[in-house]
Amino acid sequence: MSLVKSVWPPADSGQAAILGDFKSRVFAVGPQIGFIFPVGEMQGYLNLKAYKEFAAENRPEGWNGWLTLAVSPAAAPPPLQSTLVHK
């Protein structure tokens, strides 16, 4: 579950307000789920994320969603640990 507060423009954007200030604000909350799975010698990651925007000022409200698929080299296996016996 995510809670996001977005304020635009960022305070340090460095852009001049030629046409006047455009300030907006929105809050959002929503779920996210991801799965890691093997793809041959690689690994895949499938992620689904969605959130509902609310309490918006100077911008529209609504639902946003993303489906992301990434394929990358598989993580290296952890090093083998030797078992030491202490007397």
C-alpha atoms as a PDB file:
ATOM      1  CA  MET A   1       0.000   0.000   0.000  1.00  0.00           C
ATOM      2  CA  SER A   2       1.385   3.401  -0.924  1.00  0.00           C
ATOM      3  CA  LEU A   3       0.445   6.928   0.093  1.00  0.00           C
ATOM      4  CA  VAL A   4       1.780   9.694  -2.138  1.00  0.00           C
ATOM      5  CA  LYS A   5       1.637  13.477  -1.821  1.00  0.00           C
ATOM      6  CA  SER A   6       2.697  15.350  -4.932  1.00  0.00           C
ATOM      7  CA  VAL A   7       3.257  19.109  -5.128  1.00  0.00           C
ATOM      8  CA  TRP A   8       4.051  20.746  -8.465  1.00  0.00           C
ATOM      9  CA  PRO A   9       6.256  22.544  -9.347  1.00  0.00           C
ATOM     10  CA  PRO A  10       9.053  21.389  -7.061  1.00  0.00           C
ATOM     11  CA  ALA A  11      10.519  24.168  -4.918  1.00  0.00           C
ATOM     12  CA  ASP A  12      13.939  23.752  -6.560  1.00  0.00           C
ATOM     13  CA  SER A  13      12.748  23.466 -10.188  1.00  0.00           C
ATOM     14  CA  GLY A  14      14.654  26.622 -11.204  1.00  0.00           C
ATOM     15  CA  GLN A  15      12.056  27.491 -13.841  1.00  0.00           C
ATOM     16  CA  ALA A  16      10.728  31.020 -14.117  1.00  0.00           C
ATOM     17  CA  ALA A  17       6.949  31.477 -13.917  1.00  0.00           C
ATOM     18  CA  ILE A  18       6.573  33.257 -17.281  1.00  0.00           C
ATOM     19  CA  LEU A  19       2.803  32.769 -17.545  1.00  0.00           C
ATOM     20  CA  GLY A  20       2.211  32.916 -13.789  1.00  0.00           C
ATOM     21  CA  ASP A  21       2.361  30.280 -11.099  1.00  0.00           C
ATOM     22  CA  PHE A  22       0.851  26.893 -11.770  1.00  0.00           C
ATOM     23  CA  LYS A  23       0.701  25.140  -8.438  1.00  0.00           C
ATOM     24  CA  SER A  24      -1.100  21.876  -7.918  1.00  0.00           C
ATOM     25  CA  ARG A  25      -1.364  19.278  -5.184  1.00  0.00           C
ATOM     26  CA  VAL A  26      -2.782  15.779  -4.959  1.00  0.00           C
ATOM     27  CA  PHE A  27      -2.831  12.856  -2.552  1.00  0.00           C
ATOM     28  CA  ALA A  28      -2.953   9.250  -3.729  1.00  0.00           C
ATOM     29  CA  VAL A  29      -3.233   5.787  -2.209  1.00  0.00           C
ATOM     30  CA  GLY A  30      -3.224   2.331  -3.742  1.00  0.00           C
ATOM     31  CA  PRO A  31      -1.832  -1.209  -3.842  1.00  0.00           C
ATOM     32  CA  GLN A  32       1.255  -2.663  -5.508  1.00  0.00           C
ATOM     33  CA  ILE A  33       2.233  -6.279  -6.117  1.00  0.00           C
ATOM     34  CA  GLY A  34       5.257  -7.796  -7.842  1.00  0.00           C
ATOM     35  CA  PHE A  35       6.555 -11.233  -8.810  1.00  0.00           C
ATOM     36  CA  ILE A  36      10.114 -12.409  -9.562  1.00  0.00           C
ATOM     37  CA  PHE A  37      10.347 -15.423 -11.875  1.00  0.00           C
ATOM     38  CA  PRO A  38      13.064 -17.229 -13.867  1.00  0.00           C
ATOM     39  CA  VAL A  39      13.486 -16.533 -17.597  1.00  0.00           C
ATOM     40  CA  GLY A  40      16.150 -18.994 -18.779  1.00  0.00           C
ATOM     41  CA  GLU A  41      19.468 -17.752 -17.357  1.00  0.00           C
ATOM     42  CA  MET A  42      17.880 -14.383 -16.557  1.00  0.00           C
ATOM     43  CA  GLN A  43      15.228 -13.281 -14.090  1.00  0.00           C
ATOM     44  CA  GLY A  44      11.981 -11.496 -14.810  1.00  0.00           C
ATOM     45  CA  TYR A  45      10.052  -9.075 -12.640  1.00  0.00           C
ATOM     46  CA  LEU A  46       6.366  -8.332 -13.212  1.00  0.00           C
ATOM     47  CA  ASN A  47       4.892  -5.458 -11.218  1.00  0.00           C
ATOM     48  CA  LEU A  48       1.324  -4.134 -11.044  1.00  0.00           C
ATOM     49  CA  LYS A  49       0.734  -0.790  -9.325  1.00  0.00           C
ATOM     50  CA  ALA A  50      -2.383   1.369  -9.134  1.00  0.00           C
ATOM     51  CA  TYR A  51      -3.484   4.330  -7.107  1.00  0.00           C
ATOM     52  CA  LYS A  52      -6.484   6.610  -6.659  1.00  0.00           C
ATOM     53  CA  GLU A  53      -5.803  10.343  -6.601  1.00  0.00           C
ATOM     54  CA  PHE A  54      -7.933  12.462  -4.276  1.00  0.00           C
ATOM     55  CA  ALA A  55      -8.014  15.880  -2.581  1.00  0.00           C
ATOM     56  CA  ALA A  56      -6.597  17.435  -5.752  1.00  0.00           C
ATOM     57  CA  GLU A  57      -6.080  21.157  -6.151  1.00  0.00           C
ATOM     58  CA  ASN A  58      -5.720  22.597  -9.675  1.00  0.00           C
ATOM     59  CA  ARG A  59      -5.496  19.180 -11.356  1.00  0.00           C
ATOM     60  CA  PRO A  60      -7.791  16.259 -12.217  1.00  0.00           C
ATOM     61  CA  GLU A  61      -8.448  13.319  -9.903  1.00  0.00           C
ATOM     62  CA  GLY A  62      -8.738   9.702 -10.973  1.00  0.00           C
ATOM     63  CA  TRP A  63      -7.128   6.283 -11.135  1.00  0.00           C
ATOM     64  CA  ASN A  64      -3.643   5.576 -12.461  1.00  0.00           C
ATOM     65  CA  GLY A  65      -2.165   2.154 -13.069  1.00  0.00           C
ATOM     66  CA  TRP A  66       1.057   0.619 -14.365  1.00  0.00           C
ATOM     67  CA  LEU A  67       2.051  -2.830 -15.473  1.00  0.00           C
ATOM     68  CA  THR A  68       5.841  -3.205 -15.639  1.00  0.00           C
ATOM     69  CA  LEU A  69       7.890  -6.099 -16.986  1.00  0.00           C
ATOM     70  CA  ALA A  70      11.670  -6.109 -16.519  1.00  0.00           C
ATOM     71  CA  VAL A  71      14.182  -8.796 -17.497  1.00  0.00           C
ATOM     72  CA  SER A  72      17.684  -8.661 -16.019  1.00  0.00           C
ATOM     73  CA  PRO A  73      20.618 -10.921 -15.177  1.00  0.00           C
ATOM     74  CA  ALA A  74      19.802 -13.242 -12.310  1.00  0.00           C
ATOM     75  CA  ALA A  75      21.174 -12.329  -8.902  1.00  0.00           C
ATOM     76  CA  ALA A  76      24.328 -14.165  -7.905  1.00  0.00           C
ATOM     77  CA  PRO A  77      23.715 -17.005  -5.459  1.00  0.00           C
ATOM     78  CA  PRO A  78      24.797 -16.329  -1.869  1.00  0.00           C
ATOM     79  CA  PRO A  79      28.298 -17.568  -0.992  1.00  0.00           C
ATOM     80  CA  LEU A  80      28.556 -20.980   0.630  1.00  0.00           C
ATOM     81  CA  GLN A  81      29.059 -20.773   4.354  1.00  0.00           C
ATOM     82  CA  SER A  82      31.380 -23.262   5.966  1.00  0.00           C
ATOM     83  CA  THR A  83      30.188 -24.852   9.190  1.00  0.00           C
ATOM     84  CA  LEU A  84      32.779 -24.466  11.908  1.00  0.00           C
ATOM     85  CA  VAL A  85      32.599 -26.597  14.997  1.00  0.00           C
ATOM     86  CA  HIS A  86      33.943 -24.996  18.172  1.00  0.00           C
ATOM     87  CA  LYS A  87      34.780 -27.123  21.197  1.00  0.00           C
END
